[in-house]
Amino acid sequence: RCYAAPGGQDGEVAKAQRAAAAGDEPQQQPTIFSKILARTVPATILYEDDKCLVFRDVAPQAPVHFLVIPKRPIPRVSRVGPEDTELLGHLLVVASQTARAEGLADGYRVGECRRRPRGPVSLRRRDALRSLPAVINDGKHGAQSVYHLHLHVLGGRQLGWPPG
């Protein structure tokens, strides 16, 4: 199951607030994804074309967990326009084709995955974690910590519903 990142949901919110405060959003700072694209940070690449790159997540939350990112940096999904329609569709098609190549014939999830918190989780906290959806985070209030649009694809086991 995918849950909140180490430190819980508040950890993700804090990371997003630090990213926004550091000015990462409008491409002022290189992101981990731009470094992977530049090949200055290693990644296990599954697929690449002129529009996108697909690579394995370094901290997988399912037996199969990879990311699909556009080569053209789009900092937030709220910043896309009509000119991005083809690219956004392409990202989903590539996600589907890569999932097939990875043997995910029984299904998979596309969205943002949060890691399981460490240590005991109270009943109230557990219920909150169960309600976390598979989403694309957008901006500080959406808990976006990497300002480069990305899709997580997870599969290889039965995923819970609701997502989280």
C-alpha atoms as a PDB file:
ATOM      1  CA  ARG A   1       0.000   0.000   0.000  1.00  0.00           C
ATOM      2  CA  CYS A   2       1.063   3.584  -0.563  1.00  0.00           C
ATOM      3  CA  TYR A   3       0.825   5.871   2.426  1.00  0.00           C
ATOM      4  CA  ALA A   4       2.398   9.136   3.505  1.00  0.00           C
ATOM      5  CA  ALA A   5       6.096   9.815   3.147  1.00  0.00           C
ATOM      6  CA  PRO A   6       8.408   9.305   6.095  1.00  0.00           C
ATOM      7  CA  GLY A   7       7.242  11.796   8.634  1.00  0.00           C
ATOM      8  CA  GLY A   8       3.652  11.355   7.456  1.00  0.00           C
ATOM      9  CA  GLN A   9       1.473  13.654   5.418  1.00  0.00           C
ATOM     10  CA  ASP A  10       2.878  16.604   7.349  1.00  0.00           C
ATOM     11  CA  GLY A  11       6.340  15.610   6.085  1.00  0.00           C
ATOM     12  CA  GLU A  12       5.155  15.961   2.496  1.00  0.00           C
ATOM     13  CA  VAL A  13       3.516  19.302   3.299  1.00  0.00           C
ATOM     14  CA  ALA A  14       6.736  20.530   4.923  1.00  0.00           C
ATOM     15  CA  LYS A  15       8.767  19.429   1.879  1.00  0.00           C
ATOM     16  CA  ALA A  16       6.336  21.276  -0.388  1.00  0.00           C
ATOM     17  CA  GLN A  17       6.527  24.425   1.735  1.00  0.00           C
ATOM     18  CA  ARG A  18      10.346  24.292   1.693  1.00  0.00           C
ATOM     19  CA  ALA A  19      10.331  23.840  -2.095  1.00  0.00           C
ATOM     20  CA  ALA A  20       8.012  26.820  -2.564  1.00  0.00           C
ATOM     21  CA  ALA A  21      10.064  28.970  -0.175  1.00  0.00           C
ATOM     22  CA  ALA A  22      13.286  28.018  -1.980  1.00  0.00           C
ATOM     23  CA  GLY A  23      11.841  29.279  -5.243  1.00  0.00           C
ATOM     24  CA  ASP A  24      11.946  25.865  -6.936  1.00  0.00           C
ATOM     25  CA  GLU A  25       8.641  26.345  -8.732  1.00  0.00           C
ATOM     26  CA  PRO A  26       9.388  28.500 -11.778  1.00  0.00           C
ATOM     27  CA  GLN A  27      12.550  26.643 -12.834  1.00  0.00           C
ATOM     28  CA  GLN A  28      14.791  28.844 -10.687  1.00  0.00           C
ATOM     29  CA  GLN A  29      16.532  25.741  -9.328  1.00  0.00           C
ATOM     30  CA  PRO A  30      17.287  22.459 -11.101  1.00  0.00           C
ATOM     31  CA  THR A  31      14.978  19.686  -9.925  1.00  0.00           C
ATOM     32  CA  ILE A  32      15.967  16.071  -9.387  1.00  0.00           C
ATOM     33  CA  PHE A  33      14.131  15.317 -12.637  1.00  0.00           C
ATOM     34  CA  SER A  34      16.036  17.918 -14.651  1.00  0.00           C
ATOM     35  CA  LYS A  35      19.245  16.379 -13.276  1.00  0.00           C
ATOM     36  CA  ILE A  36      18.086  12.924 -14.378  1.00  0.00           C
ATOM     37  CA  LEU A  37      17.291  14.328 -17.831  1.00  0.00           C
ATOM     38  CA  ALA A  38      20.786  15.897 -17.971  1.00  0.00           C
ATOM     39  CA  ARG A  39      22.258  12.543 -16.875  1.00  0.00           C
ATOM     40  CA  THR A  40      23.995  14.169 -13.891  1.00  0.00           C
ATOM     41  CA  VAL A  41      21.948  11.962 -11.548  1.00  0.00           C
ATOM     42  CA  PRO A  42      21.769   8.253 -12.410  1.00  0.00           C
ATOM     43  CA  ALA A  43      18.472   6.524 -13.094  1.00  0.00           C
ATOM     44  CA  THR A  44      17.342   3.181 -14.449  1.00  0.00           C
ATOM     45  CA  ILE A  45      15.767   4.315 -17.710  1.00  0.00           C
ATOM     46  CA  LEU A  46      12.990   2.168 -19.142  1.00  0.00           C
ATOM     47  CA  TYR A  47      11.994   4.303 -22.121  1.00  0.00           C
ATOM     48  CA  GLU A  48      12.923   7.562 -23.789  1.00  0.00           C
ATOM     49  CA  ASP A  49      11.749   9.507 -26.805  1.00  0.00           C
ATOM     50  CA  ASP A  50      11.903  13.139 -27.883  1.00  0.00           C
ATOM     51  CA  LYS A  51       9.044  14.116 -25.530  1.00  0.00           C
ATOM     52  CA  CYS A  52       9.491  12.119 -22.325  1.00  0.00           C
ATOM     53  CA  LEU A  53      11.626   9.907 -20.125  1.00  0.00           C
ATOM     54  CA  VAL A  54      10.529   6.883 -18.087  1.00  0.00           C
ATOM     55  CA  PHE A  55      12.615   5.564 -15.200  1.00  0.00           C
ATOM     56  CA  ARG A  56      12.283   3.374 -12.119  1.00  0.00           C
ATOM     57  CA  ASP A  57      11.487   5.007  -8.791  1.00  0.00           C
ATOM     58  CA  VAL A  58      14.490   4.793  -6.447  1.00  0.00           C
ATOM     59  CA  ALA A  59      12.174   4.068  -3.486  1.00  0.00           C
ATOM     60  CA  PRO A  60       9.507   1.808  -5.022  1.00  0.00           C
ATOM     61  CA  GLN A  61       6.163   1.556  -3.270  1.00  0.00           C
ATOM     62  CA  ALA A  62       4.997  -1.459  -5.295  1.00  0.00           C
ATOM     63  CA  PRO A  63       6.740  -4.336  -7.096  1.00  0.00           C
ATOM     64  CA  VAL A  64       6.648  -2.181 -10.241  1.00  0.00           C
ATOM     65  CA  HIS A  65       7.005   1.584  -9.714  1.00  0.00           C
ATOM     66  CA  PHE A  66       8.220   3.935 -12.413  1.00  0.00           C
ATOM     67  CA  LEU A  67       7.878   7.603 -13.276  1.00  0.00           C
ATOM     68  CA  VAL A  68       6.991   9.283 -16.561  1.00  0.00           C
ATOM     69  CA  ILE A  69       8.226  12.856 -16.970  1.00  0.00           C
ATOM     70  CA  PRO A  70       8.070  15.283 -19.866  1.00  0.00           C
ATOM     71  CA  LYS A  71      11.437  16.452 -21.192  1.00  0.00           C
ATOM     72  CA  ARG A  72      10.081  19.960 -21.453  1.00  0.00           C
ATOM     73  CA  PRO A  73       9.811  21.055 -17.841  1.00  0.00           C
ATOM     74  CA  ILE A  74       6.256  21.868 -16.870  1.00  0.00           C
ATOM     75  CA  PRO A  75       6.440  23.002 -13.250  1.00  0.00           C
ATOM     76  CA  ARG A  76       2.772  22.461 -12.347  1.00  0.00           C
ATOM     77  CA  VAL A  77      -0.244  20.828 -13.902  1.00  0.00           C
ATOM     78  CA  SER A  78      -2.083  24.122 -13.316  1.00  0.00           C
ATOM     79  CA  ARG A  79       0.342  25.744 -15.782  1.00  0.00           C
ATOM     80  CA  VAL A  80      -0.588  23.587 -18.768  1.00  0.00           C
ATOM     81  CA  GLY A  81      -2.450  25.081 -21.691  1.00  0.00           C
ATOM     82  CA  PRO A  82      -4.137  23.910 -24.870  1.00  0.00           C
ATOM     83  CA  GLU A  83      -0.699  23.630 -26.493  1.00  0.00           C
ATOM     84  CA  ASP A  84       0.149  20.868 -23.976  1.00  0.00           C
ATOM     85  CA  THR A  85      -2.760  18.594 -24.934  1.00  0.00           C
ATOM     86  CA  GLU A  86      -0.683  16.352 -27.197  1.00  0.00           C
ATOM     87  CA  LEU A  87       2.162  16.070 -24.671  1.00  0.00           C
ATOM     88  CA  LEU A  88      -0.149  15.197 -21.773  1.00  0.00           C
ATOM     89  CA  GLY A  89      -1.850  12.532 -23.872  1.00  0.00           C
ATOM     90  CA  HIS A  90       1.562  11.238 -24.935  1.00  0.00           C
ATOM     91  CA  LEU A  91       2.631  10.854 -21.281  1.00  0.00           C
ATOM     92  CA  LEU A  92      -0.429   8.677 -20.593  1.00  0.00           C
ATOM     93  CA  VAL A  93       0.093   6.578 -23.725  1.00  0.00           C
ATOM     94  CA  VAL A  94       3.746   6.021 -22.796  1.00  0.00           C
ATOM     95  CA  ALA A  95       2.705   5.128 -19.237  1.00  0.00           C
ATOM     96  CA  SER A  96       0.300   2.528 -20.641  1.00  0.00           C
ATOM     97  CA  GLN A  97       2.839   1.066 -23.088  1.00  0.00           C
ATOM     98  CA  THR A  98       5.543   0.890 -20.414  1.00  0.00           C
ATOM     99  CA  ALA A  99       3.132  -0.753 -17.968  1.00  0.00           C
ATOM    100  CA  ARG A 100       2.399  -3.380 -20.603  1.00  0.00           C
ATOM    101  CA  ALA A 101       6.131  -3.914 -21.211  1.00  0.00           C
ATOM    102  CA  GLU A 102       6.618  -4.274 -17.436  1.00  0.00           C
ATOM    103  CA  GLY A 103       4.026  -7.070 -17.326  1.00  0.00           C
ATOM    104  CA  LEU A 104       1.206  -5.160 -15.653  1.00  0.00           C
ATOM    105  CA  ALA A 105      -1.544  -6.921 -17.610  1.00  0.00           C
ATOM    106  CA  ASP A 106      -3.736  -7.182 -14.505  1.00  0.00           C
ATOM    107  CA  GLY A 107      -3.780  -3.421 -13.999  1.00  0.00           C
ATOM    108  CA  TYR A 108      -1.877  -0.559 -12.385  1.00  0.00           C
ATOM    109  CA  ARG A 109      -2.357   2.891 -10.890  1.00  0.00           C
ATOM    110  CA  VAL A 110      -1.221   6.199 -12.380  1.00  0.00           C
ATOM    111  CA  GLY A 111      -0.846   9.012  -9.878  1.00  0.00           C
ATOM    112  CA  GLU A 112       1.185  10.287  -6.969  1.00  0.00           C
ATOM    113  CA  CYS A 113       2.254   7.765  -4.340  1.00  0.00           C
ATOM    114  CA  ARG A 114       3.007   8.585  -0.730  1.00  0.00           C
ATOM    115  CA  ARG A 115       5.270   6.410   1.391  1.00  0.00           C
ATOM    116  CA  ARG A 116       4.197   4.532   4.508  1.00  0.00           C
ATOM    117  CA  PRO A 117       4.947   6.468   7.702  1.00  0.00           C
ATOM    118  CA  ARG A 118       7.475   5.008  10.123  1.00  0.00           C
ATOM    119  CA  GLY A 119       6.430   3.927  13.601  1.00  0.00           C
ATOM    120  CA  PRO A 120       2.983   3.429  15.088  1.00  0.00           C
ATOM    121  CA  VAL A 121       0.012   5.124  13.485  1.00  0.00           C
ATOM    122  CA  SER A 122      -3.035   6.184  15.542  1.00  0.00           C
ATOM    123  CA  LEU A 123      -6.508   5.141  14.409  1.00  0.00           C
ATOM    124  CA  ARG A 124      -7.326   8.738  13.482  1.00  0.00           C
ATOM    125  CA  ARG A 125      -4.075   9.057  11.519  1.00  0.00           C
ATOM    126  CA  ARG A 126      -4.632   5.682   9.818  1.00  0.00           C
ATOM    127  CA  ASP A 127      -8.088   6.793   8.642  1.00  0.00           C
ATOM    128  CA  ALA A 128      -6.599  10.046   7.294  1.00  0.00           C
ATOM    129  CA  LEU A 129      -3.899   8.114   5.445  1.00  0.00           C
ATOM    130  CA  ARG A 130      -6.488   5.833   3.849  1.00  0.00           C
ATOM    131  CA  SER A 131      -8.205   8.854   2.356  1.00  0.00           C
ATOM    132  CA  LEU A 132      -5.118  10.062   0.474  1.00  0.00           C
ATOM    133  CA  PRO A 133      -5.973   9.841  -3.228  1.00  0.00           C
ATOM    134  CA  ALA A 134      -3.763   9.028  -6.179  1.00  0.00           C
ATOM    135  CA  VAL A 135      -3.281  12.528  -7.534  1.00  0.00           C
ATOM    136  CA  ILE A 136      -0.914  14.868  -9.282  1.00  0.00           C
ATOM    137  CA  ASN A 137       0.094  17.371  -6.621  1.00  0.00           C
ATOM    138  CA  ASP A 138      -0.041  21.024  -7.659  1.00  0.00           C
ATOM    139  CA  GLY A 139       1.584  23.882  -5.767  1.00  0.00           C
ATOM    140  CA  LYS A 140       2.307  24.472  -2.106  1.00  0.00           C
ATOM    141  CA  HIS A 141      -1.226  23.802  -0.916  1.00  0.00           C
ATOM    142  CA  GLY A 142      -1.342  20.651  -3.046  1.00  0.00           C
ATOM    143  CA  ALA A 143       1.860  19.413  -1.323  1.00  0.00           C
ATOM    144  CA  GLN A 144       3.940  19.503  -4.523  1.00  0.00           C
ATOM    145  CA  SER A 145       7.603  19.072  -3.596  1.00  0.00           C
ATOM    146  CA  VAL A 146       9.177  18.623  -7.071  1.00  0.00           C
ATOM    147  CA  TYR A 147       8.221  21.330  -9.539  1.00  0.00           C
ATOM    148  CA  HIS A 148       8.427  19.191 -12.670  1.00  0.00           C
ATOM    149  CA  LEU A 149       5.230  17.439 -13.737  1.00  0.00           C
ATOM    150  CA  HIS A 150       5.491  13.682 -13.222  1.00  0.00           C
ATOM    151  CA  LEU A 151       3.321  10.583 -13.221  1.00  0.00           C
ATOM    152  CA  HIS A 152       3.945   7.639 -10.908  1.00  0.00           C
ATOM    153  CA  VAL A 153       2.874   4.244 -12.274  1.00  0.00           C
ATOM    154  CA  LEU A 154       2.497   1.490  -9.675  1.00  0.00           C
ATOM    155  CA  GLY A 155       1.514  -2.131 -10.062  1.00  0.00           C
ATOM    156  CA  GLY A 156       2.472  -5.745  -9.619  1.00  0.00           C
ATOM    157  CA  ARG A 157       0.150  -6.353  -6.659  1.00  0.00           C
ATOM    158  CA  GLN A 158      -3.412  -5.637  -5.614  1.00  0.00           C
ATOM    159  CA  LEU A 159      -3.673  -1.929  -4.798  1.00  0.00           C
ATOM    160  CA  GLY A 160      -6.179  -0.732  -2.222  1.00  0.00           C
ATOM    161  CA  TRP A 161      -9.198   1.465  -2.813  1.00  0.00           C
ATOM    162  CA  PRO A 162      -9.671   4.215  -2.037  1.00  0.00           C
ATOM    163  CA  PRO A 163      -6.095   5.003  -3.061  1.00  0.00           C
ATOM    164  CA  GLY A 164      -3.677   5.622  -0.279  1.00  0.00           C
END
